């Protein structure tokens, strides 16, 4: 992880709608990071309930995100 990623991890999470993000490949969940354009947002899951988690972090730049539409996404999976 580069130095900028450590800075981004300390930044406040950016609020985004997952539905508005550009997808990576043919995945319904993987998205390109809207900050660095090269990293991925993978949409993490709770290990016990398997529910999608509201918080995410870019795999490259370390910017944190909060999905505003995570409740809608979890409802679609039920």
Protein backbone atom coordinates (compact mmCIF):
# COMPACT_ATOMS: atom_id res chain seq x y z
CA UNK A 1 0.00 0.00 0.00
CA UNK A 2 1.44 3.39 -0.93
CA UNK A 3 1.80 6.47 1.28
CA UNK A 4 -1.28 8.16 -0.21
CA UNK A 5 -3.37 5.14 0.75
CA UNK A 6 -2.48 5.65 4.41
CA UNK A 7 -3.59 9.28 4.11
CA UNK A 8 -6.88 8.25 2.49
CA UNK A 9 -7.60 5.69 5.21
CA UNK A 10 -7.67 8.57 7.68
CA UNK A 11 -10.04 10.65 5.52
CA UNK A 12 -13.74 10.67 6.26
CA UNK A 13 -15.69 8.14 4.17
CA UNK A 14 -17.19 9.50 0.97
CA UNK A 15 -20.87 8.83 0.56
CA UNK A 16 -21.80 7.18 -2.74
CA UNK A 17 -24.62 5.22 -4.28
CA UNK A 18 -23.38 1.84 -5.48
CA UNK A 19 -25.87 2.05 -8.35
CA UNK A 20 -24.06 5.15 -9.65
CA UNK A 21 -20.57 3.61 -9.71
CA UNK A 22 -18.89 2.25 -12.85
CA UNK A 23 -18.76 -1.56 -12.70
CA UNK A 24 -15.59 -3.55 -13.17
CA UNK A 25 -15.97 -6.32 -15.72
CA UNK A 26 -19.21 -8.25 -15.59
CA UNK A 27 -19.54 -8.21 -11.80
CA UNK A 28 -22.72 -6.85 -10.24
CA UNK A 29 -20.72 -5.79 -7.18
CA UNK A 30 -17.14 -4.87 -8.14
CA UNK A 31 -16.80 -1.20 -9.05
CA UNK A 32 -14.01 1.12 -10.10
CA UNK A 33 -12.95 3.58 -7.43
CA UNK A 34 -14.36 7.02 -8.29
CA UNK A 35 -11.33 8.67 -6.64
CA UNK A 36 -8.27 6.98 -8.20
CA UNK A 37 -10.07 5.30 -11.14
CA UNK A 38 -7.72 2.29 -10.90
CA UNK A 39 -8.59 0.59 -7.62
CA UNK A 40 -11.63 -1.54 -6.89
CA UNK A 41 -14.51 -1.39 -4.46
CA UNK A 42 -15.51 -4.98 -3.75
CA UNK A 43 -18.57 -4.60 -1.46
CA UNK A 44 -17.75 -6.53 1.66
CA UNK A 45 -20.09 -8.86 3.57
CA UNK A 46 -20.71 -9.52 7.22
CA UNK A 47 -19.10 -12.90 8.00
CA UNK A 48 -21.98 -14.08 10.17
CA UNK A 49 -25.09 -12.80 8.37
CA UNK A 50 -23.61 -12.53 4.85
CA UNK A 51 -25.37 -9.14 4.53
CA UNK A 52 -23.64 -6.52 2.40
CA UNK A 53 -21.79 -3.96 4.52
CA UNK A 54 -22.30 -0.21 4.28
CA UNK A 55 -18.55 0.54 4.53
CA UNK A 56 -16.01 -0.17 1.81
CA UNK A 57 -12.44 0.84 0.98
CA UNK A 58 -10.58 1.15 -2.33
CA UNK A 59 -8.14 -1.70 -2.88
CA UNK A 60 -5.54 0.70 -4.29
CA UNK A 61 -5.83 4.22 -2.90
CA UNK A 62 -7.35 3.36 0.48
CA UNK A 63 -10.21 5.88 0.23
CA UNK A 64 -13.12 4.79 2.41
CA UNK A 65 -16.71 4.85 1.15
CA UNK A 66 -20.19 4.55 2.61
CA UNK A 67 -22.92 3.14 0.38
CA UNK A 68 -26.14 5.13 0.69
CA UNK A 69 -28.14 2.44 -1.12
CA UNK A 70 -26.89 -0.64 0.76
CA UNK A 71 -30.30 -1.34 2.32
CA UNK A 72 -31.84 -1.53 -1.17
CA UNK A 73 -29.07 -3.89 -2.28
CA UNK A 74 -29.60 -6.18 0.71
CA UNK A 75 -33.36 -6.25 0.08
CA UNK A 76 -32.84 -7.30 -3.53
CA UNK A 77 -30.80 -10.29 -2.37
CA UNK A 78 -33.55 -11.64 -0.10
